Amino acid sequence: MLSRSVFTQDHDDVRSMVRDFVAQEIVPNHEKWEREGKVDPELFRRAGAAGLLGMALPVEYGGAGVDDFRYNAVLIEEIAYQGAFGSGLGLTLHNDLCIPYFNAYANDEQRARWMPGLASGQLIGAIAMTEPSGGSDLAAIRTRAVRDGDEYVINGSKIFISNGINATCLLVVVRTEQDDRYGGLTILVVEEGTPGFERGRSLEKIGLHSQDTAELFFDDARVPVRNRLGEEGQAWLQLMHNLPQERLSLAVSAVAQARAAFLDTCAYARSRKAFGKPIGTREHIKFVLAEIRTEIDIAQTFVDRCLADHSSGELSAVTAAEAKWWCTEMQVRVVDRCLQIHGGYGLMREQSVARAYVDSRAQTIYGGTTEIMKQIIAKDLDLDRAIDR
């Protein structure tokens, strides 16, 4: 495995603790949660008690006061290495996608009201952007919020919302100005028990079964104005500021999951015999695994550079898009080849490579599809600008 310099001794110390937490709290329950379609909410409270939630939140609100995404990356990697990504994904969504919005845009009253619960796991976060009529096109959001005195009245629906069943504190992107595609979006925090807010069915996916994914419905749901996160009409800028971290999170997980599948396949190739010899002695298998290792090491080098840049505030949205699309496509490609090496055993659900195969497929879609990532990168190339010769 390629040596890595992005982590310090402090990160390595935390990694040891995280590894134990995942082994004790997630892995033994993973199959049960996969069958049930969601994790036990108690997992969030235990993660909070272990100090694994809201590391970036201020100490006075229960966080660690350490705004260093590398600690988030440690959690992502250790969950992936132990083959329980679906069950641990809710924790990373809570940390990587939701908490940054509260940390950056909540006012003092909101911080006191929500941050202690987010850090302890008493509150579970989700962010609701995607709608049935549009996915990656955030400017096409139709869910509408109309101000009525000290409240907003929300009508509309969301779909494919991760943590949607377990969440008790949802960041909902709504349209507050009909005629302004980008400047008319606002984030409202919808709390569990809000009248007019209902969850639909838990959606059955081909993979990531223990990650609860839901439909959300708003029928004259009344949310107090004091639940608005930031100023009205500022959601587009808030989302653009925070989406690079989400995409980096997915790139980190993609490389870690690919490495886990690779190591599992190497072990299988050493033990599985065909025609009297371990299949790993066959030149074709050797070459395939050599190619996979090289791809993973290249991706790891790039992602580690992105982690370093993000820690210093230098990661651009374009670079995050590059990392997201390339690493997730690499993951799908690697896991597919690993399953092929397993042969018929790779089709058996009890095999980790089979679960990795179905779990990996969502990676190139959520958080912005590969095509949208390429669009972001292509726009930065400025190829439509005419050059006079």
Protein backbone atom coordinates (compact mmCIF):
# COMPACT_ATOMS: atom_id res chain seq x y z
CA MET A 1 0.00 0.00 0.00
CA LEU A 2 1.31 3.42 -0.98
CA SER A 3 2.58 5.45 1.98
CA ARG A 4 0.48 8.46 2.91
CA SER A 5 1.59 11.73 4.46
CA VAL A 6 -1.71 13.62 4.66
CA PHE A 7 -2.51 12.37 8.18
CA THR A 8 -0.70 13.32 11.39
CA GLN A 9 -0.15 11.22 14.50
CA ASP A 10 -3.31 12.75 15.97
CA HIS A 11 -5.31 11.43 13.02
CA ASP A 12 -3.71 8.02 13.38
CA ASP A 13 -4.60 7.92 17.08
CA VAL A 14 -8.22 8.73 16.26
CA ARG A 15 -8.19 6.12 13.51
CA SER A 16 -7.43 3.39 16.05
CA MET A 17 -10.41 4.45 18.15
CA VAL A 18 -12.67 4.73 15.10
CA ARG A 19 -11.63 1.26 13.92
CA ASP A 20 -12.68 -0.20 17.26
CA PHE A 21 -15.98 1.70 17.22
CA VAL A 22 -16.87 0.44 13.75
CA ALA A 23 -15.94 -3.14 14.70
CA GLN A 24 -18.01 -3.05 17.88
CA GLU A 25 -21.01 -0.91 16.99
CA ILE A 26 -21.56 -1.22 13.23
CA VAL A 27 -20.17 -4.48 11.85
CA PRO A 28 -22.10 -6.85 14.20
CA ASN A 29 -25.37 -5.11 13.30
CA HIS A 30 -24.76 -4.53 9.61
CA GLU A 31 -26.66 -7.52 8.23
CA LYS A 32 -29.60 -6.91 10.55
CA TRP A 33 -29.81 -3.26 9.49
CA GLU A 34 -29.48 -4.25 5.84
CA ARG A 35 -32.60 -6.44 6.23
CA GLU A 36 -34.49 -3.74 8.15
CA GLY A 37 -33.67 -0.99 5.65
CA LYS A 38 -32.20 1.42 8.18
CA VAL A 39 -29.81 1.61 11.09
CA ASP A 40 -30.95 1.89 14.68
CA PRO A 41 -30.96 5.61 15.61
CA GLU A 42 -29.08 4.58 18.75
CA LEU A 43 -26.00 4.31 16.52
CA PHE A 44 -25.95 8.11 16.22
CA ARG A 45 -26.12 8.55 19.98
CA ARG A 46 -23.28 6.08 20.51
CA ALA A 47 -21.22 7.80 17.84
CA GLY A 48 -21.91 11.11 19.57
CA ALA A 49 -20.83 9.70 22.93
CA ALA A 50 -17.61 8.48 21.29
CA GLY A 51 -16.90 11.98 19.95
CA LEU A 52 -17.38 10.99 16.31
CA LEU A 53 -20.12 13.49 15.45
CA GLY A 54 -19.73 17.19 14.89
CA MET A 55 -15.97 17.30 15.34
CA ALA A 56 -16.00 20.74 13.70
CA LEU A 57 -18.69 22.15 16.01
CA PRO A 58 -17.61 24.54 18.79
CA VAL A 59 -16.65 22.97 22.11
CA GLU A 60 -19.31 24.96 23.97
CA TYR A 61 -21.97 23.15 21.94
CA GLY A 62 -20.57 19.66 22.40
CA GLY A 63 -18.23 19.48 19.41
CA ALA A 64 -14.47 19.08 19.37
CA GLY A 65 -13.83 22.54 17.94
CA VAL A 66 -11.55 21.02 15.30
CA ASP A 67 -12.52 22.02 11.76
CA ASP A 68 -10.30 19.46 10.03
CA PHE A 69 -12.02 17.30 7.42
CA ARG A 70 -9.24 14.72 7.68
CA TYR A 71 -10.92 13.41 10.84
CA ASN A 72 -14.11 12.95 8.82
CA ALA A 73 -12.04 11.10 6.21
CA VAL A 74 -10.73 8.70 8.87
CA LEU A 75 -14.30 7.75 9.79
CA ILE A 76 -15.27 7.32 6.13
CA GLU A 77 -12.29 5.08 5.42
CA GLU A 78 -12.63 2.85 8.45
CA ILE A 79 -16.30 2.20 7.74
CA ALA A 80 -15.42 1.29 4.15
CA TYR A 81 -12.48 -0.93 5.10
CA GLN A 82 -14.72 -3.04 7.34
CA GLY A 83 -17.35 -3.55 4.65
CA ALA A 84 -20.20 -1.75 6.36
CA PHE A 85 -20.48 1.38 4.25
CA GLY A 86 -24.27 1.33 3.95
CA SER A 87 -24.71 1.22 7.72
CA GLY A 88 -22.10 3.90 8.35
CA LEU A 89 -23.14 6.20 5.54
CA GLY A 90 -25.72 7.95 7.70
CA LEU A 91 -22.97 9.07 10.10
CA THR A 92 -20.86 10.50 7.30
CA LEU A 93 -23.87 12.27 5.77
CA HIS A 94 -24.64 13.79 9.16
CA ASN A 95 -21.02 14.96 9.57
CA ASP A 96 -19.99 15.87 6.05
CA LEU A 97 -23.18 17.21 4.46
CA CYS A 98 -25.40 18.56 7.21
CA ILE A 99 -23.28 19.89 10.05
CA PRO A 100 -21.25 22.27 7.82
CA TYR A 101 -24.43 24.22 7.03
CA PHE A 102 -25.25 24.66 10.72
CA ASN A 103 -21.66 25.56 11.51
CA ALA A 104 -21.43 28.17 8.78
CA TYR A 105 -24.89 29.74 8.71
CA ALA A 106 -26.71 29.23 12.03
CA ASN A 107 -27.16 32.28 14.23
CA ASP A 108 -26.44 32.22 17.96
CA GLU A 109 -29.97 31.17 18.93
CA GLN A 110 -29.98 28.36 16.36
CA ARG A 111 -26.54 27.18 17.46
CA ALA A 112 -27.71 26.85 21.05
CA ARG A 113 -30.90 25.11 19.92
CA TRP A 114 -29.51 22.54 17.48
CA MET A 115 -25.77 22.06 17.81
CA PRO A 116 -25.72 20.15 21.13
CA GLY A 117 -28.17 17.60 19.70
CA LEU A 118 -26.27 17.29 16.44
CA ALA A 119 -23.02 16.65 18.33
CA SER A 120 -24.56 14.11 20.72
CA GLY A 121 -26.61 12.25 18.11
CA GLN A 122 -29.89 13.16 19.77
CA LEU A 123 -30.64 15.01 16.53
CA ILE A 124 -30.05 13.31 13.18
CA GLY A 125 -29.47 15.45 10.11
CA ALA A 126 -30.47 15.15 6.47
CA ILE A 127 -30.42 17.55 3.55
CA ALA A 128 -33.37 17.57 1.15
CA MET A 129 -32.58 18.96 -2.29
CA THR A 130 -33.65 16.40 -4.92
CA GLU A 131 -37.22 16.45 -6.22
CA PRO A 132 -39.23 14.05 -8.41
CA SER A 133 -39.14 16.51 -11.30
CA GLY A 134 -35.42 17.23 -11.13
CA GLY A 135 -32.25 15.84 -9.63
CA SER A 136 -28.94 17.56 -10.34
CA ASP A 137 -30.60 20.76 -11.60
CA LEU A 138 -31.00 22.54 -8.26
CA ALA A 139 -32.25 25.67 -9.99
CA ALA A 140 -35.35 23.67 -11.03
CA ILE A 141 -36.49 23.18 -7.41
CA ARG A 142 -40.25 23.60 -7.15
CA THR A 143 -40.98 22.99 -3.46
CA ARG A 144 -42.29 26.38 -2.44
CA ALA A 145 -42.28 28.29 0.82
CA VAL A 146 -44.48 31.35 1.19
CA ARG A 147 -43.99 33.62 4.15
CA ASP A 148 -47.04 34.14 6.35
CA GLY A 149 -46.15 36.41 9.23
CA ASP A 150 -43.63 34.64 11.46
CA GLU A 151 -43.93 31.38 9.53
CA TYR A 152 -43.18 29.89 6.14
CA VAL A 153 -45.83 27.65 4.57
CA ILE A 154 -44.17 24.86 2.57
CA ASN A 155 -45.77 22.84 -0.23
CA GLY A 156 -44.02 20.27 -2.39
CA SER A 157 -42.07 17.06 -2.16
CA LYS A 158 -38.55 15.65 -2.13
CA ILE A 159 -37.22 12.26 -3.17
CA PHE A 160 -34.10 10.10 -2.70
CA ILE A 161 -33.35 11.77 0.64
CA SER A 162 -30.62 9.90 2.52
CA ASN A 163 -31.24 9.65 6.28
CA GLY A 164 -34.79 10.57 5.34
CA ILE A 165 -36.46 8.09 7.70
CA ASN A 166 -34.21 8.57 10.73
CA ALA A 167 -33.66 12.32 10.38
CA THR A 168 -35.10 14.61 13.04
CA CYS A 169 -33.56 17.85 11.78
CA LEU A 170 -33.82 18.31 8.01
CA LEU A 171 -32.25 21.02 5.88
CA VAL A 172 -34.90 21.57 3.21
CA VAL A 173 -34.09 23.65 0.13
CA VAL A 174 -37.21 25.57 -0.90
CA ARG A 175 -38.14 28.21 -3.43
CA THR A 176 -39.07 31.52 -1.84
CA GLU A 177 -38.93 33.59 -5.04
CA GLN A 178 -40.64 32.12 -8.07
CA ASP A 179 -39.02 34.23 -10.79
CA ASP A 180 -35.39 33.96 -9.70
CA ARG A 181 -33.91 30.53 -10.55
CA TYR A 182 -30.75 30.94 -8.52
CA GLY A 183 -31.46 33.74 -6.08
CA GLY A 184 -34.89 32.46 -5.11
CA LEU A 185 -33.78 29.47 -3.02
CA THR A 186 -33.70 29.32 0.78
CA ILE A 187 -32.79 26.68 3.37
CA LEU A 188 -35.36 26.00 6.08
CA VAL A 189 -34.79 23.58 8.95
CA VAL A 190 -37.80 21.30 9.28
CA GLU A 191 -37.96 19.51 12.60
CA GLU A 192 -39.58 16.18 13.37
CA GLY A 193 -43.25 16.59 14.25
CA THR A 194 -43.80 19.68 12.10
CA PRO A 195 -47.52 19.77 11.15
CA GLY A 196 -47.97 19.20 7.42
CA PHE A 197 -44.65 17.35 7.05
CA GLU A 198 -44.84 13.64 6.31
CA ARG A 199 -42.36 10.99 5.28
CA GLY A 200 -43.31 8.64 2.49
CA ARG A 201 -42.08 5.12 2.01
CA SER A 202 -38.55 4.00 2.62
CA LEU A 203 -37.26 3.52 -0.90
CA GLU A 204 -35.85 0.11 -1.83
CA LYS A 205 -32.52 0.47 -3.63
CA ILE A 206 -30.40 -2.15 -5.37
CA GLY A 207 -27.66 -1.55 -2.80
CA LEU A 208 -26.92 0.40 0.39
CA HIS A 209 -29.98 -1.24 1.93
CA SER A 210 -29.23 -0.11 5.49
CA GLN A 211 -28.99 3.53 4.39
CA ASP A 212 -32.55 4.79 4.78
CA THR A 213 -33.68 6.73 1.73
CA ALA A 214 -37.07 8.41 1.73
CA GLU A 215 -39.68 10.51 0.03
CA LEU A 216 -40.72 13.66 1.90
CA PHE A 217 -44.02 15.51 1.54
CA PHE A 218 -45.00 19.02 2.59
CA ASP A 219 -48.68 19.97 2.63
CA ASP A 220 -49.06 23.46 4.09
CA ALA A 221 -46.24 22.59 6.49
CA ARG A 222 -45.67 25.55 8.78
CA VAL A 223 -42.08 26.30 9.77
CA PRO A 224 -41.17 29.32 11.91
CA VAL A 225 -39.05 32.02 10.28
CA ARG A 226 -36.52 31.49 13.06
CA ASN A 227 -35.79 28.11 11.42
CA ARG A 228 -34.42 29.79 8.32
CA LEU A 229 -30.71 29.08 7.93
CA GLY A 230 -29.03 32.24 6.75
CA GLU A 231 -30.80 34.91 4.74
CA GLU A 232 -33.70 34.36 2.40
CA GLY A 233 -32.57 33.72 -1.16
CA GLN A 234 -29.02 32.71 -0.19
CA ALA A 235 -29.34 28.91 -0.54
CA TRP A 236 -27.69 28.72 -3.95
CA LEU A 237 -24.51 30.36 -2.65
CA GLN A 238 -24.63 28.21 0.51
CA LEU A 239 -24.96 25.03 -1.53
CA MET A 240 -22.16 25.96 -3.93
CA HIS A 241 -19.88 26.64 -0.96
CA ASN A 242 -20.56 23.29 0.71
CA LEU A 243 -20.97 20.89 -2.23
CA PRO A 244 -17.19 20.50 -2.81
CA GLN A 245 -16.84 18.90 0.64
CA GLU A 246 -19.68 16.51 -0.13
CA ARG A 247 -17.95 15.50 -3.35
CA LEU A 248 -14.62 15.06 -1.63
CA SER A 249 -16.35 12.86 0.94
CA LEU A 250 -17.63 10.63 -1.86
CA ALA A 251 -14.19 10.48 -3.47
CA VAL A 252 -12.62 9.42 -0.16
CA SER A 253 -15.22 6.69 0.27
CA ALA A 254 -14.80 5.52 -3.33
CA VAL A 255 -11.07 4.94 -2.95
CA ALA A 256 -11.49 3.25 0.43
CA GLN A 257 -14.24 0.94 -0.82
CA ALA A 258 -12.22 0.08 -3.92
CA ARG A 259 -9.20 -0.77 -1.76
CA ALA A 260 -11.33 -2.96 0.51
CA ALA A 261 -12.64 -4.91 -2.49
CA PHE A 262 -9.11 -5.22 -3.89
CA LEU A 263 -7.62 -6.60 -0.66
CA ASP A 264 -10.52 -9.04 -0.30
CA THR A 265 -9.94 -10.22 -3.88
CA CYS A 266 -6.20 -10.66 -3.33
CA ALA A 267 -6.97 -12.91 -0.37
CA TYR A 268 -9.47 -14.86 -2.46
CA ALA A 269 -6.95 -15.25 -5.31
CA ARG A 270 -4.42 -16.76 -2.90
CA SER A 271 -6.86 -19.31 -1.48
CA ARG A 272 -9.14 -20.24 -4.37
CA LYS A 273 -7.79 -23.12 -6.47
CA ALA A 274 -8.60 -23.97 -10.06
CA PHE A 275 -6.92 -26.69 -12.10
CA GLY A 276 -4.74 -27.56 -9.13
CA LYS A 277 -3.30 -24.11 -8.43
CA PRO A 278 -4.42 -20.92 -6.63
CA ILE A 279 -5.94 -18.64 -9.24
CA GLY A 280 -3.59 -15.89 -8.10
CA THR A 281 -0.72 -17.77 -9.73
CA ARG A 282 -2.31 -17.28 -13.15
CA GLU A 283 -0.76 -14.49 -15.18
CA HIS A 284 -4.08 -12.95 -16.19
CA ILE A 285 -5.24 -12.63 -12.57
CA LYS A 286 -1.87 -11.18 -11.58
CA PHE A 287 -2.07 -8.56 -14.30
CA VAL A 288 -5.65 -7.58 -13.46
CA LEU A 289 -4.78 -7.13 -9.77
CA ALA A 290 -1.63 -5.20 -10.69
CA GLU A 291 -3.74 -2.83 -12.78
CA ILE A 292 -6.27 -2.42 -9.96
CA ARG A 293 -3.61 -1.67 -7.37
CA THR A 294 -2.08 0.95 -9.65
CA GLU A 295 -5.42 2.66 -10.27
CA ILE A 296 -6.20 2.76 -6.56
CA ASP A 297 -2.79 4.17 -5.66
CA ILE A 298 -3.12 6.88 -8.30
CA ALA A 299 -6.59 7.79 -7.01
CA GLN A 300 -5.35 7.76 -3.41
CA THR A 301 -2.55 10.18 -4.24
CA PHE A 302 -4.99 12.61 -5.85
CA VAL A 303 -7.55 12.34 -3.05
CA ASP A 304 -4.87 12.87 -0.39
CA ARG A 305 -3.81 16.03 -2.20
CA CYS A 306 -7.46 17.15 -2.22
CA LEU A 307 -7.68 16.45 1.53
CA ALA A 308 -4.59 18.57 2.13
CA ASP A 309 -5.95 21.38 -0.04
CA HIS A 310 -9.34 21.25 1.69
CA SER A 311 -7.67 21.43 5.09
CA SER A 312 -5.88 24.61 4.01
CA GLY A 313 -8.98 26.09 2.38
CA GLU A 314 -7.63 25.72 -1.15
CA LEU A 315 -9.82 22.97 -2.63
CA SER A 316 -11.76 24.32 -5.61
CA ALA A 317 -15.18 23.17 -6.75
CA VAL A 318 -13.64 22.06 -10.05
CA THR A 319 -10.98 19.90 -8.40
CA ALA A 320 -13.59 18.37 -6.10
CA ALA A 321 -15.68 17.54 -9.17
CA GLU A 322 -12.67 15.89 -10.79
CA ALA A 323 -12.06 13.79 -7.69
CA LYS A 324 -15.72 12.83 -7.36
CA TRP A 325 -16.30 11.58 -10.89
CA TRP A 326 -12.98 9.89 -11.46
CA CYS A 327 -12.77 8.08 -8.13
CA THR A 328 -16.37 6.87 -8.15
CA GLU A 329 -16.08 5.61 -11.73
CA MET A 330 -12.82 3.93 -10.72
CA GLN A 331 -14.59 2.28 -7.80
CA VAL A 332 -17.33 0.85 -10.02
CA ARG A 333 -14.72 -0.39 -12.49
CA VAL A 334 -12.54 -1.98 -9.80
CA VAL A 335 -15.37 -3.72 -7.96
CA ASP A 336 -16.71 -5.11 -11.23
CA ARG A 337 -13.33 -6.68 -12.02
CA CYS A 338 -12.99 -7.98 -8.46
CA LEU A 339 -16.37 -9.69 -8.73
CA GLN A 340 -15.32 -11.28 -12.03
CA ILE A 341 -12.27 -12.81 -10.36
CA HIS A 342 -14.53 -14.34 -7.69
CA GLY A 343 -16.49 -16.12 -10.42
CA GLY A 344 -19.72 -17.71 -9.25
CA TYR A 345 -18.95 -16.93 -5.63
CA GLY A 346 -18.99 -13.25 -6.54
CA LEU A 347 -22.71 -13.54 -7.26
CA MET A 348 -23.49 -14.77 -3.75
CA ARG A 349 -24.82 -12.03 -1.50
CA GLU A 350 -22.93 -13.31 1.54
CA GLN A 351 -19.69 -12.47 -0.24
CA SER A 352 -18.41 -8.98 0.56
CA VAL A 353 -17.55 -8.36 -3.09
CA ALA A 354 -21.19 -8.97 -4.08
CA ARG A 355 -22.39 -6.38 -1.57
CA ALA A 356 -19.66 -4.00 -2.70
CA TYR A 357 -20.84 -4.43 -6.29
CA VAL A 358 -24.40 -3.26 -5.64
CA ASP A 359 -23.37 -0.67 -3.06
CA SER A 360 -20.88 0.99 -5.41
CA ARG A 361 -23.37 1.76 -8.15
CA ALA A 362 -24.93 4.75 -6.43
CA GLN A 363 -21.57 6.48 -6.10
CA THR A 364 -21.53 7.82 -9.66
CA ILE A 365 -25.06 9.21 -9.27
CA TYR A 366 -25.68 10.80 -5.88
CA GLY A 367 -23.83 13.96 -4.91
CA GLY A 368 -23.97 14.98 -8.58
CA THR A 369 -23.75 12.53 -11.46
CA THR A 370 -20.55 11.90 -13.40
CA GLU A 371 -22.05 13.89 -16.26
CA ILE A 372 -22.71 16.91 -14.04
CA MET A 373 -19.15 16.72 -12.66
CA LYS A 374 -17.78 16.77 -16.20
CA GLN A 375 -20.02 19.71 -17.00
CA ILE A 376 -18.54 21.66 -14.06
CA ILE A 377 -15.01 20.88 -15.24
CA ALA A 378 -15.80 21.67 -18.88
CA LYS A 379 -17.27 25.03 -17.93
CA ASP A 380 -13.99 25.92 -16.24
CA LEU A 381 -12.18 25.18 -19.52
CA ASP A 382 -14.07 28.11 -21.09
CA LEU A 383 -14.18 26.36 -24.46
CA ASP A 384 -17.18 28.35 -25.66
CA ARG A 385 -15.20 31.58 -25.61
CA ALA A 386 -14.27 32.63 -29.13
CA ILE A 387 -10.64 33.48 -29.74
CA ASP A 388 -9.79 35.99 -32.47
CA ARG A 389 -6.92 34.88 -34.65
